Amino acid sequence: MYLDSEKKKELFEKYGKSTTDTGSPESQIALFTFRIAHLTEHLKKNRKDFGTARSLKMLVGKRRRLLDYLIKVDISRYRAIIKELGIRR
């Protein structure tokens, strides 16, 4: 599997406050970004996989909503996570 528990802990430790910090917006955005990258690669090989295309669009929307929330709450945290992950608006 592309995303096992060790990889999740690694992401949460790097972008969250600790390995068990699964609820902070930064850690969730990092996890969604990793999953989006994986699904994008899958869709490059399998263009007609419409179920995956739909789930990718939903995941991008979830990440966008979290980023919008982070802008409202703390713009400096938003700028830091955008810069660290390399997400463009």
PDB file of N, CA and C in Angstrom:
ATOM      1  N   MET A   1       0.847  -1.186   0.000  1.00  0.00           N
ATOM      2  CA  MET A   1       0.000   0.000   0.000  1.00  0.00           C
ATOM      3  C   MET A   1       0.888   1.243   0.000  1.00  0.00           C
ATOM      4  N   TYR A   2       0.447   2.258  -0.690  1.00  0.00           N
ATOM      5  CA  TYR A   2       1.261   3.458  -0.830  1.00  0.00           C
ATOM      6  C   TYR A   2       1.295   4.299   0.436  1.00  0.00           C
ATOM      7  N   LEU A   3       0.298   4.181   1.311  1.00  0.00           N
ATOM      8  CA  LEU A   3       0.227   5.007   2.511  1.00  0.00           C
ATOM      9  C   LEU A   3       0.009   4.108   3.718  1.00  0.00           C
ATOM     10  N   ASP A   4       1.092   3.685   4.352  1.00  0.00           N
ATOM     11  CA  ASP A   4       0.977   2.849   5.533  1.00  0.00           C
ATOM     12  C   ASP A   4       1.075   3.719   6.787  1.00  0.00           C
ATOM     13  N   SER A   5       0.955   3.100   7.947  1.00  0.00           N
ATOM     14  CA  SER A   5       0.934   3.854   9.201  1.00  0.00           C
ATOM     15  C   SER A   5       2.264   4.546   9.470  1.00  0.00           C
ATOM     16  N   GLU A   6       3.362   3.958   9.025  1.00  0.00           N
ATOM     17  CA  GLU A   6       4.667   4.589   9.221  1.00  0.00           C
ATOM     18  C   GLU A   6       4.777   5.891   8.422  1.00  0.00           C
ATOM     19  N   LYS A   7       4.275   5.868   7.202  1.00  0.00           N
ATOM     20  CA  LYS A   7       4.315   7.073   6.368  1.00  0.00           C
ATOM     21  C   LYS A   7       3.427   8.164   6.962  1.00  0.00           C
ATOM     22  N   LYS A   8       2.264   7.764   7.493  1.00  0.00           N
ATOM     23  CA  LYS A   8       1.377   8.739   8.123  1.00  0.00           C
ATOM     24  C   LYS A   8       2.046   9.375   9.339  1.00  0.00           C
ATOM     25  N   LYS A   9       2.678   8.545  10.179  1.00  0.00           N
ATOM     26  CA  LYS A   9       3.370   9.075  11.354  1.00  0.00           C
ATOM     27  C   LYS A   9       4.469  10.047  10.951  1.00  0.00           C
ATOM     28  N   GLU A  10       5.166   9.707   9.879  1.00  0.00           N
ATOM     29  CA  GLU A  10       6.220  10.575   9.360  1.00  0.00           C
ATOM     30  C   GLU A  10       5.656  11.932   8.941  1.00  0.00           C
ATOM     31  N   LEU A  11       4.535  11.905   8.207  1.00  0.00           N
ATOM     32  CA  LEU A  11       3.898  13.151   7.770  1.00  0.00           C
ATOM     33  C   LEU A  11       3.414  13.970   8.961  1.00  0.00           C
ATOM     34  N   PHE A  12       2.763  13.302   9.931  1.00  0.00           N
ATOM     35  CA  PHE A  12       2.227  14.013  11.086  1.00  0.00           C
ATOM     36  C   PHE A  12       3.348  14.593  11.944  1.00  0.00           C
ATOM     37  N   GLU A  13       4.467  13.873  12.028  1.00  0.00           N
ATOM     38  CA  GLU A  13       5.584  14.373  12.826  1.00  0.00           C
ATOM     39  C   GLU A  13       6.229  15.587  12.153  1.00  0.00           C
ATOM     40  N   LYS A  14       6.329  15.543  10.836  1.00  0.00           N
ATOM     41  CA  LYS A  14       6.978  16.634  10.105  1.00  0.00           C
ATOM     42  C   LYS A  14       6.114  17.889  10.056  1.00  0.00           C
ATOM     43  N   TYR A  15       4.828  17.731   9.787  1.00  0.00           N
ATOM     44  CA  TYR A  15       3.965  18.893   9.579  1.00  0.00           C
ATOM     45  C   TYR A  15       3.060  19.209  10.767  1.00  0.00           C
ATOM     46  N   GLY A  16       2.794  18.249  11.634  1.00  0.00           N
ATOM     47  CA  GLY A  16       1.963  18.484  12.807  1.00  0.00           C
ATOM     48  C   GLY A  16       2.826  18.806  14.007  1.00  0.00           C
ATOM     49  N   LYS A  17       2.228  18.716  15.173  1.00  0.00           N
ATOM     50  CA  LYS A  17       2.966  18.996  16.396  1.00  0.00           C
ATOM     51  C   LYS A  17       3.675  17.755  16.930  1.00  0.00           C
ATOM     52  N   SER A  18       3.104  16.569  16.661  1.00  0.00           N
ATOM     53  CA  SER A  18       3.714  15.310  17.096  1.00  0.00           C
ATOM     54  C   SER A  18       3.222  14.193  16.170  1.00  0.00           C
ATOM     55  N   THR A  19       3.636  12.956  16.469  1.00  0.00           N
ATOM     56  CA  THR A  19       3.217  11.839  15.615  1.00  0.00           C
ATOM     57  C   THR A  19       1.744  11.518  15.793  1.00  0.00           C
ATOM     58  N   THR A  20       1.178  11.894  16.929  1.00  0.00           N
ATOM     59  CA  THR A  20      -0.235  11.600  17.174  1.00  0.00           C
ATOM     60  C   THR A  20      -1.139  12.790  16.863  1.00  0.00           C
ATOM     61  N   ASP A  21      -0.574  13.875  16.349  1.00  0.00           N
ATOM     62  CA  ASP A  21      -1.349  15.070  16.021  1.00  0.00           C
ATOM     63  C   ASP A  21      -1.990  14.906  14.646  1.00  0.00           C
ATOM     64  N   THR A  22      -3.145  14.266  14.630  1.00  0.00           N
ATOM     65  CA  THR A  22      -3.817  14.012  13.359  1.00  0.00           C
ATOM     66  C   THR A  22      -4.898  15.034  13.054  1.00  0.00           C
ATOM     67  N   GLY A  23      -5.188  15.914  13.986  1.00  0.00           N
ATOM     68  CA  GLY A  23      -6.308  16.822  13.814  1.00  0.00           C
ATOM     69  C   GLY A  23      -5.955  18.216  13.378  1.00  0.00           C
ATOM     70  N   SER A  24      -4.694  18.597  13.471  1.00  0.00           N
ATOM     71  CA  SER A  24      -4.346  19.973  13.098  1.00  0.00           C
ATOM     72  C   SER A  24      -4.496  20.153  11.594  1.00  0.00           C
ATOM     73  N   PRO A  25      -4.875  21.348  11.177  1.00  0.00           N
ATOM     74  CA  PRO A  25      -5.059  21.586   9.743  1.00  0.00           C
ATOM     75  C   PRO A  25      -3.789  21.329   8.934  1.00  0.00           C
ATOM     76  N   GLU A  26      -2.633  21.671   9.491  1.00  0.00           N
ATOM     77  CA  GLU A  26      -1.379  21.479   8.767  1.00  0.00           C
ATOM     78  C   GLU A  26      -1.126  20.008   8.468  1.00  0.00           C
ATOM     79  N   SER A  27      -1.355  19.142   9.461  1.00  0.00           N
ATOM     80  CA  SER A  27      -1.105  17.714   9.250  1.00  0.00           C
ATOM     81  C   SER A  27      -2.111  17.122   8.273  1.00  0.00           C
ATOM     82  N   GLN A  28      -3.366  17.562   8.342  1.00  0.00           N
ATOM     83  CA  GLN A  28      -4.373  17.062   7.408  1.00  0.00           C
ATOM     84  C   GLN A  28      -4.080  17.531   5.982  1.00  0.00           C
ATOM     85  N   ILE A  29      -3.650  18.771   5.837  1.00  0.00           N
ATOM     86  CA  ILE A  29      -3.312  19.295   4.511  1.00  0.00           C
ATOM     87  C   ILE A  29      -2.134  18.525   3.929  1.00  0.00           C
ATOM     88  N   ALA A  30      -1.154  18.213   4.761  1.00  0.00           N
ATOM     89  CA  ALA A  30       0.009  17.452   4.295  1.00  0.00           C
ATOM     90  C   ALA A  30      -0.410  16.051   3.853  1.00  0.00           C
ATOM     91  N   LEU A  31      -1.293  15.418   4.604  1.00  0.00           N
ATOM     92  CA  LEU A  31      -1.775  14.082   4.253  1.00  0.00           C
ATOM     93  C   LEU A  31      -2.568  14.126   2.945  1.00  0.00           C
ATOM     94  N   PHE A  32      -3.446  15.112   2.808  1.00  0.00           N
ATOM     95  CA  PHE A  32      -4.224  15.246   1.576  1.00  0.00           C
ATOM     96  C   PHE A  32      -3.319  15.507   0.379  1.00  0.00           C
ATOM     97  N   THR A  33      -2.278  16.309   0.571  1.00  0.00           N
ATOM     98  CA  THR A  33      -1.353  16.612  -0.515  1.00  0.00           C
ATOM     99  C   THR A  33      -0.630  15.352  -0.975  1.00  0.00           C
ATOM    100  N   PHE A  34      -0.229  14.513  -0.040  1.00  0.00           N
ATOM    101  CA  PHE A  34       0.430  13.250  -0.381  1.00  0.00           C
ATOM    102  C   PHE A  34      -0.517  12.353  -1.174  1.00  0.00           C
ATOM    103  N   ARG A  35      -1.773  12.263  -0.719  1.00  0.00           N
ATOM    104  CA  ARG A  35      -2.756  11.425  -1.411  1.00  0.00           C
ATOM    105  C   ARG A  35      -3.088  11.988  -2.798  1.00  0.00           C
ATOM    106  N   ILE A  36      -3.171  13.310  -2.914  1.00  0.00           N
ATOM    107  CA  ILE A  36      -3.463  13.943  -4.201  1.00  0.00           C
ATOM    108  C   ILE A  36      -2.350  13.641  -5.196  1.00  0.00           C
ATOM    109  N   ALA A  37      -1.106  13.715  -4.741  1.00  0.00           N
ATOM    110  CA  ALA A  37       0.024  13.414  -5.624  1.00  0.00           C
ATOM    111  C   ALA A  37      -0.040  11.971  -6.113  1.00  0.00           C
ATOM    112  N   HIS A  38      -0.399  11.045  -5.221  1.00  0.00           N
ATOM    113  CA  HIS A  38      -0.489   9.633  -5.600  1.00  0.00           C
ATOM    114  C   HIS A  38      -1.608   9.414  -6.622  1.00  0.00           C
ATOM    115  N   LEU A  39      -2.774   9.994  -6.367  1.00  0.00           N
ATOM    116  CA  LEU A  39      -3.901   9.820  -7.280  1.00  0.00           C
ATOM    117  C   LEU A  39      -3.637  10.477  -8.637  1.00  0.00           C
ATOM    118  N   THR A  40      -2.915  11.580  -8.641  1.00  0.00           N
ATOM    119  CA  THR A  40      -2.579  12.249  -9.890  1.00  0.00           C
ATOM    120  C   THR A  40      -1.696  11.353 -10.753  1.00  0.00           C
ATOM    121  N   GLU A  41      -0.713  10.712 -10.124  1.00  0.00           N
ATOM    122  CA  GLU A  41       0.144   9.783 -10.859  1.00  0.00           C
ATOM    123  C   GLU A  41      -0.659   8.600 -11.402  1.00  0.00           C
ATOM    124  N   HIS A  42      -1.598   8.114 -10.600  1.00  0.00           N
ATOM    125  CA  HIS A  42      -2.443   7.007 -11.040  1.00  0.00           C
ATOM    126  C   HIS A  42      -3.270   7.404 -12.263  1.00  0.00           C
ATOM    127  N   LEU A  43      -3.813   8.619 -12.231  1.00  0.00           N
ATOM    128  CA  LEU A  43      -4.658   9.066 -13.340  1.00  0.00           C
ATOM    129  C   LEU A  43      -3.863   9.364 -14.602  1.00  0.00           C
ATOM    130  N   LYS A  44      -2.569   9.636 -14.478  1.00  0.00           N
ATOM    131  CA  LYS A  44      -1.751   9.823 -15.669  1.00  0.00           C
ATOM    132  C   LYS A  44      -1.618   8.514 -16.436  1.00  0.00           C
ATOM    133  N   LYS A  45      -1.620   7.405 -15.708  1.00  0.00           N
ATOM    134  CA  LYS A  45      -1.502   6.084 -16.347  1.00  0.00           C
ATOM    135  C   LYS A  45      -2.862   5.536 -16.764  1.00  0.00           C
ATOM    136  N   ASN A  46      -3.908   5.853 -15.993  1.00  0.00           N
ATOM    137  CA  ASN A  46      -5.246   5.305 -16.225  1.00  0.00           C
ATOM    138  C   ASN A  46      -6.235   6.446 -16.445  1.00  0.00           C
ATOM    139  N   ARG A  47      -6.265   6.954 -17.654  1.00  0.00           N
ATOM    140  CA  ARG A  47      -7.071   8.141 -17.943  1.00  0.00           C
ATOM    141  C   ARG A  47      -8.561   7.912 -17.779  1.00  0.00           C
ATOM    142  N   LYS A  48      -9.040   6.696 -17.997  1.00  0.00           N
ATOM    143  CA  LYS A  48     -10.479   6.455 -17.986  1.00  0.00           C
ATOM    144  C   LYS A  48     -11.009   5.984 -16.635  1.00  0.00           C
ATOM    145  N   ASP A  49     -10.223   6.112 -15.586  1.00  0.00           N
ATOM    146  CA  ASP A  49     -10.648   5.715 -14.246  1.00  0.00           C
ATOM    147  C   ASP A  49     -11.437   6.875 -13.627  1.00  0.00           C
ATOM    148  N   PHE A  50     -12.721   6.912 -13.926  1.00  0.00           N
ATOM    149  CA  PHE A  50     -13.540   8.050 -13.533  1.00  0.00           C
ATOM    150  C   PHE A  50     -13.844   8.074 -12.041  1.00  0.00           C
ATOM    151  N   GLY A  51     -13.881   6.941 -11.388  1.00  0.00           N
ATOM    152  CA  GLY A  51     -14.088   6.895  -9.942  1.00  0.00           C
ATOM    153  C   GLY A  51     -12.940   7.548  -9.198  1.00  0.00           C
ATOM    154  N   THR A  52     -11.730   7.267  -9.639  1.00  0.00           N
ATOM    155  CA  THR A  52     -10.556   7.887  -9.027  1.00  0.00           C
ATOM    156  C   THR A  52     -10.520   9.379  -9.339  1.00  0.00           C
ATOM    157  N   ALA A  53     -10.932   9.757 -10.526  1.00  0.00           N
ATOM    158  CA  ALA A  53     -10.967  11.178 -10.883  1.00  0.00           C
ATOM    159  C   ALA A  53     -11.931  11.930  -9.972  1.00  0.00           C
ATOM    160  N   ARG A  54     -13.057  11.310  -9.684  1.00  0.00           N
ATOM    161  CA  ARG A  54     -14.040  11.945  -8.807  1.00  0.00           C
ATOM    162  C   ARG A  54     -13.496  12.075  -7.392  1.00  0.00           C
ATOM    163  N   SER A  55     -12.858  11.019  -6.897  1.00  0.00           N
ATOM    164  CA  SER A  55     -12.324  11.075  -5.538  1.00  0.00           C
ATOM    165  C   SER A  55     -11.174  12.084  -5.446  1.00  0.00           C
ATOM    166  N   LEU A  56     -10.405  12.239  -6.516  1.00  0.00           N
ATOM    167  CA  LEU A  56      -9.346  13.237  -6.536  1.00  0.00           C
ATOM    168  C   LEU A  56      -9.936  14.643  -6.440  1.00  0.00           C
ATOM    169  N   LYS A  57     -11.002  14.891  -7.181  1.00  0.00           N
ATOM    170  CA  LYS A  57     -11.647  16.208  -7.132  1.00  0.00           C
ATOM    171  C   LYS A  57     -12.208  16.497  -5.744  1.00  0.00           C
ATOM    172  N   MET A  58     -12.791  15.483  -5.113  1.00  0.00           N
ATOM    173  CA  MET A  58     -13.325  15.676  -3.766  1.00  0.00           C
ATOM    174  C   MET A  58     -12.206  15.952  -2.760  1.00  0.00           C
ATOM    175  N   LEU A  59     -11.087  15.267  -2.922  1.00  0.00           N
ATOM    176  CA  LEU A  59      -9.946  15.453  -2.029  1.00  0.00           C
ATOM    177  C   LEU A  59      -9.335  16.846  -2.191  1.00  0.00           C
ATOM    178  N   VAL A  60      -9.254  17.315  -3.418  1.00  0.00           N
ATOM    179  CA  VAL A  60      -8.747  18.667  -3.667  1.00  0.00           C
ATOM    180  C   VAL A  60      -9.685  19.691  -3.025  1.00  0.00           C
ATOM    181  N   GLY A  61     -10.988  19.453  -3.089  1.00  0.00           N
ATOM    182  CA  GLY A  61     -11.955  20.350  -2.456  1.00  0.00           C
ATOM    183  C   GLY A  61     -11.817  20.368  -0.951  1.00  0.00           C
ATOM    184  N   LYS A  62     -11.592  19.204  -0.354  1.00  0.00           N
ATOM    185  CA  LYS A  62     -11.384  19.135   1.098  1.00  0.00           C
ATOM    186  C   LYS A  62     -10.156  19.931   1.503  1.00  0.00           C
ATOM    187  N   ARG A  63      -9.072  19.748   0.740  1.00  0.00           N
ATOM    188  CA  ARG A  63      -7.841  20.470   1.050  1.00  0.00           C
ATOM    189  C   ARG A  63      -8.048  21.968   0.889  1.00  0.00           C
ATOM    190  N   ARG A  64      -8.785  22.375  -0.149  1.00  0.00           N
ATOM    191  CA  ARG A  64      -9.052  23.795  -0.372  1.00  0.00           C
ATOM    192  C   ARG A  64      -9.839  24.390   0.789  1.00  0.00           C
ATOM    193  N   ARG A  65     -10.844  23.642   1.286  1.00  0.00           N
ATOM    194  CA  ARG A  65     -11.626  24.132   2.420  1.00  0.00           C
ATOM    195  C   ARG A  65     -10.771  24.273   3.673  1.00  0.00           C
ATOM    196  N   LEU A  66      -9.869  23.323   3.900  1.00  0.00           N
ATOM    197  CA  LEU A  66      -8.969  23.429   5.049  1.00  0.00           C
ATOM    198  C   LEU A  66      -8.030  24.618   4.904  1.00  0.00           C
ATOM    199  N   LEU A  67      -7.531  24.841   3.698  1.00  0.00           N
ATOM    200  CA  LEU A  67      -6.660  25.996   3.475  1.00  0.00           C
ATOM    201  C   LEU A  67      -7.419  27.303   3.677  1.00  0.00           C
ATOM    202  N   ASP A  68      -8.670  27.365   3.230  1.00  0.00           N
ATOM    203  CA  ASP A  68      -9.488  28.558   3.443  1.00  0.00           C
ATOM    204  C   ASP A  68      -9.719  28.802   4.932  1.00  0.00           C
ATOM    205  N   TYR A  69      -9.951  27.723   5.689  1.00  0.00           N
ATOM    206  CA  TYR A  69     -10.115  27.834   7.136  1.00  0.00           C
ATOM    207  C   TYR A  69      -8.834  28.374   7.770  1.00  0.00           C
ATOM    208  N   LEU A  70      -7.701  27.868   7.319  1.00  0.00           N
ATOM    209  CA  LEU A  70      -6.425  28.281   7.887  1.00  0.00           C
ATOM    210  C   LEU A  70      -6.130  29.748   7.587  1.00  0.00           C
ATOM    211  N   ILE A  71      -6.582  30.232   6.428  1.00  0.00           N
ATOM    212  CA  ILE A  71      -6.414  31.658   6.108  1.00  0.00           C
ATOM    213  C   ILE A  71      -7.176  32.507   7.118  1.00  0.00           C
ATOM    214  N   LYS A  72      -8.412  32.089   7.429  1.00  0.00           N
ATOM    215  CA  LYS A  72      -9.234  32.850   8.365  1.00  0.00           C
ATOM    216  C   LYS A  72      -8.657  32.843   9.769  1.00  0.00           C
ATOM    217  N   VAL A  73      -8.124  31.695  10.186  1.00  0.00           N
ATOM    218  CA  VAL A  73      -7.656  31.546  11.561  1.00  0.00           C
ATOM    219  C   VAL A  73      -6.286  32.187  11.762  1.00  0.00           C
ATOM    220  N   ASP A  74      -5.321  31.832  10.907  1.00  0.00           N
ATOM    221  CA  ASP A  74      -3.952  32.319  11.097  1.00  0.00           C
ATOM    222  C   ASP A  74      -3.232  32.340   9.745  1.00  0.00           C
ATOM    223  N   ILE A  75      -3.079  33.524   9.190  1.00  0.00           N
ATOM    224  CA  ILE A  75      -2.502  33.653   7.848  1.00  0.00           C
ATOM    225  C   ILE A  75      -1.033  33.247   7.817  1.00  0.00           C
ATOM    226  N   SER A  76      -0.314  33.418   8.914  1.00  0.00           N
ATOM    227  CA  SER A  76       1.113  33.047   8.921  1.00  0.00           C
ATOM    228  C   SER A  76       1.279  31.534   8.844  1.00  0.00           C
ATOM    229  N   ARG A  77       0.411  30.781   9.520  1.00  0.00           N
ATOM    230  CA  ARG A  77       0.453  29.318   9.430  1.00  0.00           C
ATOM    231  C   ARG A  77       0.099  28.870   8.016  1.00  0.00           C
ATOM    232  N   TYR A  78      -0.850  29.558   7.388  1.00  0.00           N
ATOM    233  CA  TYR A  78      -1.231  29.255   6.003  1.00  0.00           C
ATOM    234  C   TYR A  78      -0.049  29.459   5.069  1.00  0.00           C
ATOM    235  N   ARG A  79       0.618  30.590   5.193  1.00  0.00           N
ATOM    236  CA  ARG A  79       1.762  30.873   4.326  1.00  0.00           C
ATOM    237  C   ARG A  79       2.890  29.872   4.538  1.00  0.00           C
ATOM    238  N   ALA A  80       3.091  29.467   5.796  1.00  0.00           N
ATOM    239  CA  ALA A  80       4.159  28.509   6.099  1.00  0.00           C
ATOM    240  C   ALA A  80       3.878  27.147   5.460  1.00  0.00           C
ATOM    241  N   ILE A  81       2.641  26.663   5.568  1.00  0.00           N
ATOM    242  CA  ILE A  81       2.321  25.329   5.026  1.00  0.00           C
ATOM    243  C   ILE A  81       2.316  25.360   3.496  1.00  0.00           C
ATOM    244  N   ILE A  82       1.872  26.458   2.902  1.00  0.00           N
ATOM    245  CA  ILE A  82       1.887  26.584   1.443  1.00  0.00           C
ATOM    246  C   ILE A  82       3.331  26.553   0.924  1.00  0.00           C
ATOM    247  N   LYS A  83       4.182  27.281   1.590  1.00  0.00           N
ATOM    248  CA  LYS A  83       5.586  27.340   1.176  1.00  0.00           C
ATOM    249  C   LYS A  83       6.274  25.992   1.381  1.00  0.00           C
ATOM    250  N   GLU A  84       6.002  25.351   2.497  1.00  0.00           N
ATOM    251  CA  GLU A  84       6.659  24.077   2.817  1.00  0.00           C
ATOM    252  C   GLU A  84       6.232  22.949   1.874  1.00  0.00           C
ATOM    253  N   LEU A  85       4.953  22.911   1.526  1.00  0.00           N
ATOM    254  CA  LEU A  85       4.442  21.848   0.655  1.00  0.00           C
ATOM    255  C   LEU A  85       4.563  22.186  -0.825  1.00  0.00           C
ATOM    256  N   GLY A  86       4.780  23.443  -1.137  1.00  0.00           N
ATOM    257  CA  GLY A  86       4.889  23.838  -2.531  1.00  0.00           C
ATOM    258  C   GLY A  86       3.562  23.856  -3.249  1.00  0.00           C
ATOM    259  N   ILE A  87       2.497  24.178  -2.532  1.00  0.00           N
ATOM    260  CA  ILE A  87       1.160  24.254  -3.137  1.00  0.00           C
ATOM    261  C   ILE A  87       0.996  25.642  -3.728  1.00  0.00           C
ATOM    262  N   ARG A  88       0.444  25.699  -4.929  1.00  0.00           N
ATOM    263  CA  ARG A  88       0.187  27.001  -5.531  1.00  0.00           C
ATOM    264  C   ARG A  88      -1.310  27.239  -5.556  1.00  0.00           C
ATOM    265  N   ARG A  89      -1.701  28.480  -5.485  1.00  0.00           N
ATOM    266  CA  ARG A  89      -3.127  28.836  -5.467  1.00  0.00           C
ATOM    267  C   ARG A  89      -3.697  28.750  -6.853  1.00  0.00           C
TER     268      ARG A  89
END
